[in-house]
Amino acid sequence: MKEKAEIKRLSDKLDALRRKEAGLLLQEIDSVTTHALDENRAEQEKLSAEIERLRAVQASHFSTKAQQLLKMPFSREITKKEQADMGSLKKAVRGIEVVHPMTALGREMGLKVVTGYAKKEF
């Protein structure tokens, strides 16, 4: 999750630069202000590019995990009763991966229900 933290940090920094730019635009235009605006916009472009790169890395990480899960031989919907006692399910089926549809991985995989993936039938 370090990509997520880095994206957050860079997004906050980008937001601060955008607010600073708004303040610079309200000032009287002179050569110093113009130079500061140019530097600010260049920094914004660099931060935007870095954020997009990190988002792509994060998306590929989810894709790798999704591919690993889809390669597992068995998958099925987890019933409400099994969801209520997830601990015993995980003890009974070693190595089970449970994916909820509201997580990033679940949304990427297009799940509609809580689904379990395992190497052995369960």
PDB file of N, CA and C in Angstrom:
ATOM      1  N   MET A   1       0.811  -1.199   0.000  1.00  0.00           N
ATOM      2  CA  MET A   1       0.000   0.000   0.000  1.00  0.00           C
ATOM      3  C   MET A   1       0.857   1.268   0.000  1.00  0.00           C
ATOM      4  N   LYS A   2       2.146   1.114  -0.204  1.00  0.00           N
ATOM      5  CA  LYS A   2       2.967   2.311  -0.199  1.00  0.00           C
ATOM      6  C   LYS A   2       2.667   3.194  -1.414  1.00  0.00           C
ATOM      7  N   GLU A   3       2.181   2.599  -2.515  1.00  0.00           N
ATOM      8  CA  GLU A   3       1.796   3.410  -3.663  1.00  0.00           C
ATOM      9  C   GLU A   3       0.639   4.332  -3.295  1.00  0.00           C
ATOM     10  N   LYS A   4      -0.296   3.789  -2.531  1.00  0.00           N
ATOM     11  CA  LYS A   4      -1.466   4.570  -2.128  1.00  0.00           C
ATOM     12  C   LYS A   4      -1.049   5.770  -1.280  1.00  0.00           C
ATOM     13  N   ALA A   5      -0.146   5.571  -0.345  1.00  0.00           N
ATOM     14  CA  ALA A   5       0.328   6.655   0.511  1.00  0.00           C
ATOM     15  C   ALA A   5       1.090   7.704  -0.306  1.00  0.00           C
ATOM     16  N   GLU A   6       1.897   7.248  -1.240  1.00  0.00           N
ATOM     17  CA  GLU A   6       2.656   8.178  -2.083  1.00  0.00           C
ATOM     18  C   GLU A   6       1.723   8.984  -2.988  1.00  0.00           C
ATOM     19  N   ILE A   7       0.701   8.329  -3.537  1.00  0.00           N
ATOM     20  CA  ILE A   7      -0.280   9.034  -4.372  1.00  0.00           C
ATOM     21  C   ILE A   7      -0.980  10.104  -3.543  1.00  0.00           C
ATOM     22  N   LYS A   8      -1.336   9.777  -2.313  1.00  0.00           N
ATOM     23  CA  LYS A   8      -2.006  10.732  -1.427  1.00  0.00           C
ATOM     24  C   LYS A   8      -1.106  11.926  -1.150  1.00  0.00           C
ATOM     25  N   ARG A   9       0.167  11.655  -0.846  1.00  0.00           N
ATOM     26  CA  ARG A   9       1.114  12.736  -0.550  1.00  0.00           C
ATOM     27  C   ARG A   9       1.290  13.661  -1.759  1.00  0.00           C
ATOM     28  N   LEU A  10       1.460  13.072  -2.935  1.00  0.00           N
ATOM     29  CA  LEU A  10       1.647  13.869  -4.143  1.00  0.00           C
ATOM     30  C   LEU A  10       0.376  14.640  -4.514  1.00  0.00           C
ATOM     31  N   SER A  11      -0.774  14.032  -4.286  1.00  0.00           N
ATOM     32  CA  SER A  11      -2.032  14.715  -4.580  1.00  0.00           C
ATOM     33  C   SER A  11      -2.221  15.924  -3.679  1.00  0.00           C
ATOM     34  N   ASP A  12      -1.846  15.775  -2.409  1.00  0.00           N
ATOM     35  CA  ASP A  12      -1.928  16.908  -1.479  1.00  0.00           C
ATOM     36  C   ASP A  12      -0.990  18.034  -1.918  1.00  0.00           C
ATOM     37  N   LYS A  13       0.200  17.650  -2.335  1.00  0.00           N
ATOM     38  CA  LYS A  13       1.177  18.646  -2.792  1.00  0.00           C
ATOM     39  C   LYS A  13       0.671  19.351  -4.059  1.00  0.00           C
ATOM     40  N   LEU A  14       0.069  18.595  -4.974  1.00  0.00           N
ATOM     41  CA  LEU A  14      -0.480  19.160  -6.201  1.00  0.00           C
ATOM     42  C   LEU A  14      -1.626  20.119  -5.887  1.00  0.00           C
ATOM     43  N   ASP A  15      -2.456  19.752  -4.939  1.00  0.00           N
ATOM     44  CA  ASP A  15      -3.568  20.610  -4.532  1.00  0.00           C
ATOM     45  C   ASP A  15      -3.054  21.931  -3.949  1.00  0.00           C
ATOM     46  N   ALA A  16      -1.997  21.841  -3.145  1.00  0.00           N
ATOM     47  CA  ALA A  16      -1.402  23.054  -2.573  1.00  0.00           C
ATOM     48  C   ALA A  16      -0.850  23.962  -3.678  1.00  0.00           C
ATOM     49  N   LEU A  17      -0.229  23.371  -4.691  1.00  0.00           N
ATOM     50  CA  LEU A  17       0.300  24.169  -5.805  1.00  0.00           C
ATOM     51  C   LEU A  17      -0.831  24.844  -6.592  1.00  0.00           C
ATOM     52  N   ARG A  18      -1.939  24.146  -6.745  1.00  0.00           N
ATOM     53  CA  ARG A  18      -3.075  24.739  -7.463  1.00  0.00           C
ATOM     54  C   ARG A  18      -3.654  25.927  -6.696  1.00  0.00           C
ATOM     55  N   ARG A  19      -3.720  25.804  -5.367  1.00  0.00           N
ATOM     56  CA  ARG A  19      -4.199  26.931  -4.555  1.00  0.00           C
ATOM     57  C   ARG A  19      -3.224  28.098  -4.623  1.00  0.00           C
ATOM     58  N   LYS A  20      -1.931  27.782  -4.638  1.00  0.00           N
ATOM     59  CA  LYS A  20      -0.911  28.822  -4.732  1.00  0.00           C
ATOM     60  C   LYS A  20      -1.029  29.543  -6.079  1.00  0.00           C
ATOM     61  N   GLU A  21      -1.299  28.777  -7.142  1.00  0.00           N
ATOM     62  CA  GLU A  21      -1.456  29.373  -8.467  1.00  0.00           C
ATOM     63  C   GLU A  21      -2.634  30.337  -8.496  1.00  0.00           C
ATOM     64  N   ALA A  22      -3.720  29.971  -7.842  1.00  0.00           N
ATOM     65  CA  ALA A  22      -4.887  30.852  -7.802  1.00  0.00           C
ATOM     66  C   ALA A  22      -4.532  32.174  -7.122  1.00  0.00           C
ATOM     67  N   GLY A  23      -3.731  32.099  -6.064  1.00  0.00           N
ATOM     68  CA  GLY A  23      -3.291  33.317  -5.386  1.00  0.00           C
ATOM     69  C   GLY A  23      -2.374  34.150  -6.257  1.00  0.00           C
ATOM     70  N   LEU A  24      -1.500  33.494  -7.017  1.00  0.00           N
ATOM     71  CA  LEU A  24      -0.596  34.222  -7.912  1.00  0.00           C
ATOM     72  C   LEU A  24      -1.359  34.928  -9.033  1.00  0.00           C
ATOM     73  N   LEU A  25      -2.417  34.310  -9.501  1.00  0.00           N
ATOM     74  CA  LEU A  25      -3.199  34.923 -10.577  1.00  0.00           C
ATOM     75  C   LEU A  25      -3.920  36.182 -10.107  1.00  0.00           C
ATOM     76  N   LEU A  26      -4.214  36.281  -8.817  1.00  0.00           N
ATOM     77  CA  LEU A  26      -4.879  37.465  -8.283  1.00  0.00           C
ATOM     78  C   LEU A  26      -3.918  38.633  -8.101  1.00  0.00           C
ATOM     79  N   GLN A  27      -2.624  38.336  -8.060  1.00  0.00           N
ATOM     80  CA  GLN A  27      -1.630  39.385  -7.889  1.00  0.00           C
ATOM     81  C   GLN A  27      -1.448  40.162  -9.195  1.00  0.00           C
ATOM     82  N   GLU A  28      -0.835  41.312  -9.050  1.00  0.00           N
ATOM     83  CA  GLU A  28      -0.525  42.134 -10.226  1.00  0.00           C
ATOM     84  C   GLU A  28       0.517  41.398 -11.066  1.00  0.00           C
ATOM     85  N   ILE A  29       0.296  41.367 -12.377  1.00  0.00           N
ATOM     86  CA  ILE A  29       1.173  40.624 -13.277  1.00  0.00           C
ATOM     87  C   ILE A  29       2.456  41.432 -13.518  1.00  0.00           C
ATOM     88  N   ASP A  30       3.584  40.792 -13.218  1.00  0.00           N
ATOM     89  CA  ASP A  30       4.892  41.352 -13.547  1.00  0.00           C
ATOM     90  C   ASP A  30       5.820  40.187 -13.864  1.00  0.00           C
ATOM     91  N   SER A  31       7.081  40.462 -14.118  1.00  0.00           N
ATOM     92  CA  SER A  31       7.991  39.398 -14.544  1.00  0.00           C
ATOM     93  C   SER A  31       8.217  38.357 -13.441  1.00  0.00           C
ATOM     94  N   VAL A  32       8.234  38.785 -12.185  1.00  0.00           N
ATOM     95  CA  VAL A  32       8.445  37.857 -11.078  1.00  0.00           C
ATOM     96  C   VAL A  32       7.242  36.913 -10.962  1.00  0.00           C
ATOM     97  N   THR A  33       6.042  37.483 -11.073  1.00  0.00           N
ATOM     98  CA  THR A  33       4.825  36.680 -10.971  1.00  0.00           C
ATOM     99  C   THR A  33       4.739  35.690 -12.132  1.00  0.00           C
ATOM    100  N   THR A  34       5.090  36.146 -13.322  1.00  0.00           N
ATOM    101  CA  THR A  34       5.054  35.287 -14.499  1.00  0.00           C
ATOM    102  C   THR A  34       6.032  34.124 -14.340  1.00  0.00           C
ATOM    103  N   HIS A  35       7.213  34.418 -13.838  1.00  0.00           N
ATOM    104  CA  HIS A  35       8.219  33.372 -13.612  1.00  0.00           C
ATOM    105  C   HIS A  35       7.712  32.367 -12.562  1.00  0.00           C
ATOM    106  N   ALA A  36       7.122  32.862 -11.496  1.00  0.00           N
ATOM    107  CA  ALA A  36       6.594  31.986 -10.446  1.00  0.00           C
ATOM    108  C   ALA A  36       5.473  31.111 -10.985  1.00  0.00           C
ATOM    109  N   LEU A  37       4.616  31.673 -11.842  1.00  0.00           N
ATOM    110  CA  LEU A  37       3.533  30.893 -12.448  1.00  0.00           C
ATOM    111  C   LEU A  37       4.081  29.784 -13.341  1.00  0.00           C
ATOM    112  N   ASP A  38       5.104  30.108 -14.122  1.00  0.00           N
ATOM    113  CA  ASP A  38       5.717  29.106 -15.002  1.00  0.00           C
ATOM    114  C   ASP A  38       6.319  27.953 -14.194  1.00  0.00           C
ATOM    115  N   GLU A  39       7.029  28.293 -13.122  1.00  0.00           N
ATOM    116  CA  GLU A  39       7.620  27.258 -12.264  1.00  0.00           C
ATOM    117  C   GLU A  39       6.529  26.406 -11.621  1.00  0.00           C
ATOM    118  N   ASN A  40       5.477  27.069 -11.170  1.00  0.00           N
ATOM    119  CA  ASN A  40       4.368  26.374 -10.519  1.00  0.00           C
ATOM    120  C   ASN A  40       3.707  25.390 -11.485  1.00  0.00           C
ATOM    121  N   ARG A  41       3.459  25.822 -12.691  1.00  0.00           N
ATOM    122  CA  ARG A  41       2.811  24.954 -13.686  1.00  0.00           C
ATOM    123  C   ARG A  41       3.711  23.785 -14.085  1.00  0.00           C
ATOM    124  N   ALA A  42       5.011  24.033 -14.179  1.00  0.00           N
ATOM    125  CA  ALA A  42       5.947  22.955 -14.504  1.00  0.00           C
ATOM    126  C   ALA A  42       5.949  21.903 -13.386  1.00  0.00           C
ATOM    127  N   GLU A  43       5.942  22.360 -12.143  1.00  0.00           N
ATOM    128  CA  GLU A  43       5.904  21.446 -11.006  1.00  0.00           C
ATOM    129  C   GLU A  43       4.593  20.664 -10.982  1.00  0.00           C
ATOM    130  N   GLN A  44       3.496  21.316 -11.318  1.00  0.00           N
ATOM    131  CA  GLN A  44       2.194  20.644 -11.372  1.00  0.00           C
ATOM    132  C   GLN A  44       2.198  19.531 -12.426  1.00  0.00           C
ATOM    133  N   GLU A  45       2.782  19.800 -13.578  1.00  0.00           N
ATOM    134  CA  GLU A  45       2.853  18.798 -14.642  1.00  0.00           C
ATOM    135  C   GLU A  45       3.687  17.594 -14.207  1.00  0.00           C
ATOM    136  N   LYS A  46       4.822  17.850 -13.521  1.00  0.00           N
ATOM    137  CA  LYS A  46       5.661  16.757 -13.038  1.00  0.00           C
ATOM    138  C   LYS A  46       4.908  15.905 -12.021  1.00  0.00           C
ATOM    139  N   LEU A  47       4.214  16.573 -11.097  1.00  0.00           N
ATOM    140  CA  LEU A  47       3.463  15.828 -10.078  1.00  0.00           C
ATOM    141  C   LEU A  47       2.325  15.025 -10.701  1.00  0.00           C
ATOM    142  N   SER A  48       1.630  15.611 -11.665  1.00  0.00           N
ATOM    143  CA  SER A  48       0.536  14.893 -12.326  1.00  0.00           C
ATOM    144  C   SER A  48       1.045  13.646 -13.042  1.00  0.00           C
ATOM    145  N   ALA A  49       2.174  13.772 -13.710  1.00  0.00           N
ATOM    146  CA  ALA A  49       2.761  12.628 -14.413  1.00  0.00           C
ATOM    147  C   ALA A  49       3.166  11.537 -13.426  1.00  0.00           C
ATOM    148  N   GLU A  50       3.750  11.920 -12.306  1.00  0.00           N
ATOM    149  CA  GLU A  50       4.160  10.941 -11.303  1.00  0.00           C
ATOM    150  C   GLU A  50       2.954  10.246 -10.670  1.00  0.00           C
ATOM    151  N   ILE A  51       1.881  10.986 -10.422  1.00  0.00           N
ATOM    152  CA  ILE A  51       0.663  10.394  -9.870  1.00  0.00           C
ATOM    153  C   ILE A  51       0.088   9.379 -10.841  1.00  0.00           C
ATOM    154  N   GLU A  52       0.041   9.705 -12.111  1.00  0.00           N
ATOM    155  CA  GLU A  52      -0.477   8.770 -13.115  1.00  0.00           C
ATOM    156  C   GLU A  52       0.388   7.511 -13.203  1.00  0.00           C
ATOM    157  N   ARG A  53       1.701   7.682 -13.102  1.00  0.00           N
ATOM    158  CA  ARG A  53       2.606   6.532 -13.135  1.00  0.00           C
ATOM    159  C   ARG A  53       2.350   5.611 -11.940  1.00  0.00           C
ATOM    160  N   LEU A  54       2.187   6.203 -10.762  1.00  0.00           N
ATOM    161  CA  LEU A  54       1.935   5.408  -9.564  1.00  0.00           C
ATOM    162  C   LEU A  54       0.576   4.707  -9.623  1.00  0.00           C
ATOM    163  N   ARG A  55      -0.410   5.361 -10.204  1.00  0.00           N
ATOM    164  CA  ARG A  55      -1.730   4.734 -10.347  1.00  0.00           C
ATOM    165  C   ARG A  55      -1.645   3.534 -11.289  1.00  0.00           C
ATOM    166  N   ALA A  56      -0.822   3.647 -12.326  1.00  0.00           N
ATOM    167  CA  ALA A  56      -0.643   2.521 -13.249  1.00  0.00           C
ATOM    168  C   ALA A  56       0.050   1.356 -12.550  1.00  0.00           C
ATOM    169  N   VAL A  57       1.041   1.664 -11.713  1.00  0.00           N
ATOM    170  CA  VAL A  57       1.731   0.626 -10.947  1.00  0.00           C
ATOM    171  C   VAL A  57       0.742  -0.049 -10.003  1.00  0.00           C
ATOM    172  N   GLN A  58      -0.082   0.747  -9.345  1.00  0.00           N
ATOM    173  CA  GLN A  58      -1.070   0.206  -8.418  1.00  0.00           C
ATOM    174  C   GLN A  58      -2.076  -0.678  -9.153  1.00  0.00           C
ATOM    175  N   ALA A  59      -2.513  -0.255 -10.318  1.00  0.00           N
ATOM    176  CA  ALA A  59      -3.467  -1.033 -11.108  1.00  0.00           C
ATOM    177  C   ALA A  59      -2.842  -2.347 -11.573  1.00  0.00           C
ATOM    178  N   SER A  60      -1.579  -2.319 -11.955  1.00  0.00           N
ATOM    179  CA  SER A  60      -0.929  -3.561 -12.388  1.00  0.00           C
ATOM    180  C   SER A  60      -0.767  -4.518 -11.220  1.00  0.00           C
ATOM    181  N   HIS A  61      -0.567  -3.970 -10.013  1.00  0.00           N
ATOM    182  CA  HIS A  61      -0.473  -4.819  -8.818  1.00  0.00           C
ATOM    183  C   HIS A  61      -1.788  -5.543  -8.603  1.00  0.00           C
ATOM    184  N   PHE A  62      -2.907  -4.831  -8.729  1.00  0.00           N
ATOM    185  CA  PHE A  62      -4.203  -5.471  -8.585  1.00  0.00           C
ATOM    186  C   PHE A  62      -4.412  -6.489  -9.701  1.00  0.00           C
ATOM    187  N   SER A  63      -3.988  -6.177 -10.894  1.00  0.00           N
ATOM    188  CA  SER A  63      -4.168  -7.103 -12.001  1.00  0.00           C
ATOM    189  C   SER A  63      -3.404  -8.399 -11.775  1.00  0.00           C
ATOM    190  N   THR A  64      -2.209  -8.308 -11.241  1.00  0.00           N
ATOM    191  CA  THR A  64      -1.416  -9.493 -10.954  1.00  0.00           C
ATOM    192  C   THR A  64      -2.121 -10.364  -9.924  1.00  0.00           C
ATOM    193  N   LYS A  65      -2.623  -9.736  -8.871  1.00  0.00           N
ATOM    194  CA  LYS A  65      -3.326 -10.476  -7.828  1.00  0.00           C
ATOM    195  C   LYS A  65      -4.598 -11.106  -8.395  1.00  0.00           C
ATOM    196  N   ALA A  66      -5.326 -10.370  -9.229  1.00  0.00           N
ATOM    197  CA  ALA A  66      -6.546 -10.904  -9.839  1.00  0.00           C
ATOM    198  C   ALA A  66      -6.227 -12.103 -10.728  1.00  0.00           C
ATOM    199  N   GLN A  67      -5.147 -12.030 -11.473  1.00  0.00           N
ATOM    200  CA  GLN A  67      -4.761 -13.142 -12.338  1.00  0.00           C
ATOM    201  C   GLN A  67      -4.407 -14.375 -11.517  1.00  0.00           C
ATOM    202  N   GLN A  68      -3.722 -14.175 -10.393  1.00  0.00           N
ATOM    203  CA  GLN A  68      -3.376 -15.297  -9.530  1.00  0.00           C
ATOM    204  C   GLN A  68      -4.635 -15.968  -8.998  1.00  0.00           C
ATOM    205  N   LEU A  69      -5.607 -15.161  -8.585  1.00  0.00           N
ATOM    206  CA  LEU A  69      -6.846 -15.727  -8.045  1.00  0.00           C
ATOM    207  C   LEU A  69      -7.630 -16.469  -9.120  1.00  0.00           C
ATOM    208  N   LEU A  70      -7.688 -15.902 -10.309  1.00  0.00           N
ATOM    209  CA  LEU A  70      -8.448 -16.538 -11.379  1.00  0.00           C
ATOM    210  C   LEU A  70      -7.815 -17.852 -11.837  1.00  0.00           C
ATOM    211  N   LYS A  71      -6.525 -18.007 -11.615  1.00  0.00           N
ATOM    212  CA  LYS A  71      -5.844 -19.251 -11.984  1.00  0.00           C
ATOM    213  C   LYS A  71      -6.124 -20.375 -10.990  1.00  0.00           C
ATOM    214  N   MET A  72      -6.619 -20.035  -9.797  1.00  0.00           N
ATOM    215  CA  MET A  72      -6.914 -21.070  -8.796  1.00  0.00           C
ATOM    216  C   MET A  72      -8.041 -21.952  -9.320  1.00  0.00           C
ATOM    217  N   PRO A  73      -7.934 -23.269  -9.096  1.00  0.00           N
ATOM    218  CA  PRO A  73      -8.884 -24.196  -9.713  1.00  0.00           C
ATOM    219  C   PRO A  73     -10.315 -24.118  -9.182  1.00  0.00           C
ATOM    220  N   PHE A  74     -10.522 -23.666  -7.957  1.00  0.00           N
ATOM    221  CA  PHE A  74     -11.869 -23.658  -7.402  1.00  0.00           C
ATOM    222  C   PHE A  74     -12.253 -22.274  -6.899  1.00  0.00           C
ATOM    223  N   SER A  75     -13.492 -21.905  -7.203  1.00  0.00           N
ATOM    224  CA  SER A  75     -14.054 -20.668  -6.675  1.00  0.00           C
ATOM    225  C   SER A  75     -15.558 -20.833  -6.563  1.00  0.00           C
ATOM    226  N   ARG A  76     -16.111 -20.202  -5.549  1.00  0.00           N
ATOM    227  CA  ARG A  76     -17.561 -20.208  -5.408  1.00  0.00           C
ATOM    228  C   ARG A  76     -17.976 -19.077  -4.481  1.00  0.00           C
ATOM    229  N   GLU A  77     -19.276 -18.780  -4.510  1.00  0.00           N
ATOM    230  CA  GLU A  77     -19.841 -17.750  -3.654  1.00  0.00           C
ATOM    231  C   GLU A  77     -19.773 -18.212  -2.195  1.00  0.00           C
ATOM    232  N   ILE A  78     -19.449 -17.295  -1.311  1.00  0.00           N
ATOM    233  CA  ILE A  78     -19.419 -17.579   0.119  1.00  0.00           C
ATOM    234  C   ILE A  78     -20.799 -17.235   0.677  1.00  0.00           C
ATOM    235  N   THR A  79     -21.462 -18.207   1.313  1.00  0.00           N
ATOM    236  CA  THR A  79     -22.811 -17.984   1.835  1.00  0.00           C
ATOM    237  C   THR A  79     -22.783 -17.040   3.024  1.00  0.00           C
ATOM    238  N   LYS A  80     -23.946 -16.506   3.373  1.00  0.00           N
ATOM    239  CA  LYS A  80     -24.052 -15.587   4.510  1.00  0.00           C
ATOM    240  C   LYS A  80     -23.635 -16.282   5.808  1.00  0.00           C
ATOM    241  N   LYS A  81     -23.999 -17.552   5.948  1.00  0.00           N
ATOM    242  CA  LYS A  81     -23.641 -18.308   7.147  1.00  0.00           C
ATOM    243  C   LYS A  81     -22.118 -18.455   7.242  1.00  0.00           C
ATOM    244  N   GLU A  82     -21.461 -18.735   6.116  1.00  0.00           N
ATOM    245  CA  GLU A  82     -20.001 -18.859   6.097  1.00  0.00           C
ATOM    246  C   GLU A  82     -19.343 -17.504   6.361  1.00  0.00           C
ATOM    247  N   GLN A  83     -19.950 -16.435   5.846  1.00  0.00           N
ATOM    248  CA  GLN A  83     -19.404 -15.095   6.077  1.00  0.00           C
ATOM    249  C   GLN A  83     -19.463 -14.736   7.558  1.00  0.00           C
ATOM    250  N   ALA A  84     -20.533 -15.192   8.243  1.00  0.00           N
ATOM    251  CA  ALA A  84     -20.682 -14.885   9.656  1.00  0.00           C
ATOM    252  C   ALA A  84     -19.615 -15.584  10.492  1.00  0.00           C
ATOM    253  N   ASP A  85     -19.138 -16.745  10.043  1.00  0.00           N
ATOM    254  CA  ASP A  85     -18.128 -17.494  10.776  1.00  0.00           C
ATOM    255  C   ASP A  85     -16.910 -17.711   9.871  1.00  0.00           C
ATOM    256  N   MET A  86     -16.318 -16.607   9.458  1.00  0.00           N
ATOM    257  CA  MET A  86     -15.199 -16.646   8.510  1.00  0.00           C
ATOM    258  C   MET A  86     -13.981 -17.363   9.096  1.00  0.00           C
ATOM    259  N   GLY A  87     -13.783 -17.274  10.400  1.00  0.00           N
ATOM    260  CA  GLY A  87     -12.632 -17.911  11.034  1.00  0.00           C
ATOM    261  C   GLY A  87     -12.636 -19.421  10.848  1.00  0.00           C
ATOM    262  N   SER A  88     -13.788 -20.039  11.076  1.00  0.00           N
ATOM    263  CA  SER A  88     -13.844 -21.494  10.926  1.00  0.00           C
ATOM    264  C   SER A  88     -13.719 -21.899   9.453  1.00  0.00           C
ATOM    265  N   LEU A  89     -14.232 -21.063   8.546  1.00  0.00           N
ATOM    266  CA  LEU A  89     -14.081 -21.353   7.118  1.00  0.00           C
ATOM    267  C   LEU A  89     -12.611 -21.337   6.735  1.00  0.00           C
ATOM    268  N   LYS A  90     -11.879 -20.347   7.213  1.00  0.00           N
ATOM    269  CA  LYS A  90     -10.459 -20.247   6.878  1.00  0.00           C
ATOM    270  C   LYS A  90      -9.646 -21.368   7.512  1.00  0.00           C
ATOM    271  N   LYS A  91     -10.080 -21.866   8.668  1.00  0.00           N
ATOM    272  CA  LYS A  91      -9.395 -23.009   9.282  1.00  0.00           C
ATOM    273  C   LYS A  91      -9.701 -24.291   8.521  1.00  0.00           C
ATOM    274  N   ALA A  92     -10.931 -24.431   8.056  1.00  0.00           N
ATOM    275  CA  ALA A  92     -11.336 -25.643   7.343  1.00  0.00           C
ATOM    276  C   ALA A  92     -10.712 -25.714   5.952  1.00  0.00           C
ATOM    277  N   VAL A  93     -10.594 -24.575   5.305  1.00  0.00           N
ATOM    278  CA  VAL A  93     -10.053 -24.535   3.938  1.00  0.00           C
ATOM    279  C   VAL A  93      -8.763 -23.719   3.980  1.00  0.00           C
ATOM    280  N   ARG A  94      -7.660 -24.389   4.137  1.00  0.00           N
ATOM    281  CA  ARG A  94      -6.363 -23.706   4.197  1.00  0.00           C
ATOM    282  C   ARG A  94      -6.038 -23.078   2.843  1.00  0.00           C
ATOM    283  N   GLY A  95      -5.543 -21.846   2.890  1.00  0.00           N
ATOM    284  CA  GLY A  95      -5.136 -21.173   1.668  1.00  0.00           C
ATOM    285  C   GLY A  95      -6.277 -20.513   0.909  1.00  0.00           C
ATOM    286  N   ILE A  96      -7.448 -20.391   1.524  1.00  0.00           N
ATOM    287  CA  ILE A  96      -8.574 -19.751   0.837  1.00  0.00           C
ATOM    288  C   ILE A  96      -8.347 -18.243   0.782  1.00  0.00           C
ATOM    289  N   GLU A  97      -8.698 -17.662  -0.341  1.00  0.00           N
ATOM    290  CA  GLU A  97      -8.653 -16.209  -0.521  1.00  0.00           C
ATOM    291  C   GLU A  97     -10.089 -15.742  -0.713  1.00  0.00           C
ATOM    292  N   VAL A  98     -10.551 -14.871   0.164  1.00  0.00           N
ATOM    293  CA  VAL A  98     -11.910 -14.359   0.078  1.00  0.00           C
ATOM    294  C   VAL A  98     -11.848 -12.931  -0.453  1.00  0.00           C
ATOM    295  N   VAL A  99     -12.633 -12.660  -1.510  1.00  0.00           N
ATOM    296  CA  VAL A  99     -12.635 -11.342  -2.134  1.00  0.00           C
ATOM    297  C   VAL A  99     -14.042 -10.762  -2.035  1.00  0.00           C
ATOM    298  N   HIS A 100     -14.127  -9.565  -1.460  1.00  0.00           N
ATOM    299  CA  HIS A 100     -15.405  -8.870  -1.328  1.00  0.00           C
ATOM    300  C   HIS A 100     -15.595  -7.971  -2.552  1.00  0.00           C
ATOM    301  N   PRO A 101     -16.813  -7.861  -3.063  1.00  0.00           N
ATOM    302  CA  PRO A 101     -17.025  -7.065  -4.288  1.00  0.00           C
ATOM    303  C   PRO A 101     -16.807  -5.564  -4.117  1.00  0.00           C
ATOM    304  N   MET A 102     -16.793  -5.060  -2.889  1.00  0.00           N
ATOM    305  CA  MET A 102     -16.616  -3.623  -2.685  1.00  0.00           C
ATOM    306  C   MET A 102     -15.155  -3.211  -2.528  1.00  0.00           C
ATOM    307  N   THR A 103     -14.245  -4.167  -2.494  1.00  0.00           N
ATOM    308  CA  THR A 103     -12.824  -3.822  -2.429  1.00  0.00           C
ATOM    309  C   THR A 103     -12.335  -3.483  -3.834  1.00  0.00           C
ATOM    310  N   ALA A 104     -11.157  -2.883  -3.912  1.00  0.00           N
ATOM    311  CA  ALA A 104     -10.603  -2.522  -5.217  1.00  0.00           C
ATOM    312  C   ALA A 104     -10.402  -3.767  -6.080  1.00  0.00           C
ATOM    313  N   LEU A 105      -9.917  -4.827  -5.460  1.00  0.00           N
ATOM    314  CA  LEU A 105      -9.696  -6.077  -6.197  1.00  0.00           C
ATOM    315  C   LEU A 105     -11.017  -6.657  -6.684  1.00  0.00           C
ATOM    316  N   GLY A 106     -12.028  -6.629  -5.835  1.00  0.00           N
ATOM    317  CA  GLY A 106     -13.345  -7.147  -6.209  1.00  0.00           C
ATOM    318  C   GLY A 106     -13.988  -6.346  -7.325  1.00  0.00           C
ATOM    319  N   ARG A 107     -13.836  -5.025  -7.273  1.00  0.00           N
ATOM    320  CA  ARG A 107     -14.378  -4.177  -8.345  1.00  0.00           C
ATOM    321  C   ARG A 107     -13.653  -4.452  -9.651  1.00  0.00           C
ATOM    322  N   GLU A 108     -12.341  -4.613  -9.572  1.00  0.00           N
ATOM    323  CA  GLU A 108     -11.562  -4.885 -10.785  1.00  0.00           C
ATOM    324  C   GLU A 108     -11.967  -6.210 -11.409  1.00  0.00           C
ATOM    325  N   MET A 109     -12.232  -7.205 -10.562  1.00  0.00           N
ATOM    326  CA  MET A 109     -12.607  -8.529 -11.055  1.00  0.00           C
ATOM    327  C   MET A 109     -14.069  -8.577 -11.478  1.00  0.00           C
ATOM    328  N   GLY A 110     -14.837  -7.545 -11.167  1.00  0.00           N
ATOM    329  CA  GLY A 110     -16.233  -7.493 -11.562  1.00  0.00           C
ATOM    330  C   GLY A 110     -17.131  -8.408 -10.740  1.00  0.00           C
ATOM    331  N   LEU A 111     -16.781  -8.615  -9.483  1.00  0.00           N
ATOM    332  CA  LEU A 111     -17.569  -9.499  -8.634  1.00  0.00           C
ATOM    333  C   LEU A 111     -18.865  -8.830  -8.184  1.00  0.00           C
ATOM    334  N   LYS A 112     -19.897  -9.640  -8.022  1.00  0.00           N
ATOM    335  CA  LYS A 112     -21.184  -9.152  -7.510  1.00  0.00           C
ATOM    336  C   LYS A 112     -21.466  -9.677  -6.107  1.00  0.00           C
ATOM    337  N   VAL A 113     -20.803 -10.774  -5.729  1.00  0.00           N
ATOM    338  CA  VAL A 113     -20.994 -11.393  -4.414  1.00  0.00           C
ATOM    339  C   VAL A 113     -19.632 -11.717  -3.818  1.00  0.00           C
ATOM    340  N   VAL A 114     -19.600 -11.946  -2.500  1.00  0.00           N
ATOM    341  CA  VAL A 114     -18.366 -12.354  -1.833  1.00  0.00           C
ATOM    342  C   VAL A 114     -17.990 -13.726  -2.363  1.00  0.00           C
ATOM    343  N   THR A 115     -16.766 -13.851  -2.853  1.00  0.00           N
ATOM    344  CA  THR A 115     -16.321 -15.061  -3.519  1.00  0.00           C
ATOM    345  C   THR A 115     -15.051 -15.589  -2.877  1.00  0.00           C
ATOM    346  N   GLY A 116     -14.966 -16.911  -2.755  1.00  0.00           N
ATOM    347  CA  GLY A 116     -13.768 -17.542  -2.223  1.00  0.00           C
ATOM    348  C   GLY A 116     -13.029 -18.282  -3.325  1.00  0.00           C
ATOM    349  N   TYR A 117     -11.706 -18.209  -3.278  1.00  0.00           N
ATOM    350  CA  TYR A 117     -10.842 -18.894  -4.252  1.00  0.00           C
ATOM    351  C   TYR A 117      -9.887 -19.783  -3.470  1.00  0.00           C
ATOM    352  N   ALA A 118      -9.730 -21.026  -3.918  1.00  0.00           N
ATOM    353  CA  ALA A 118      -8.838 -21.953  -3.216  1.00  0.00           C
ATOM    354  C   ALA A 118      -8.252 -22.966  -4.201  1.00  0.00           C
ATOM    355  N   LYS A 119      -7.195 -23.637  -3.748  1.00  0.00           N
ATOM    356  CA  LYS A 119      -6.566 -24.661  -4.578  1.00  0.00           C
ATOM    357  C   LYS A 119      -7.324 -25.972  -4.508  1.00  0.00           C
ATOM    358  N   LYS A 120      -8.018 -26.212  -3.366  1.00  0.00           N
ATOM    359  CA  LYS A 120      -8.810 -27.427  -3.202  1.00  0.00           C
ATOM    360  C   LYS A 120     -10.286 -27.076  -3.171  1.00  0.00           C
ATOM    361  N   GLU A 121     -11.117 -28.012  -3.560  1.00  0.00           N
ATOM    362  CA  GLU A 121     -12.549 -27.790  -3.549  1.00  0.00           C
ATOM    363  C   GLU A 121     -13.045 -27.598  -2.119  1.00  0.00           C
ATOM    364  N   PHE A 122     -13.979 -26.674  -1.950  1.00  0.00           N
ATOM    365  CA  PHE A 122     -14.541 -26.429  -0.616  1.00  0.00           C
ATOM    366  C   PHE A 122     -16.035 -26.245  -0.694  1.00  0.00           C
TER     367      PHE A 122
END
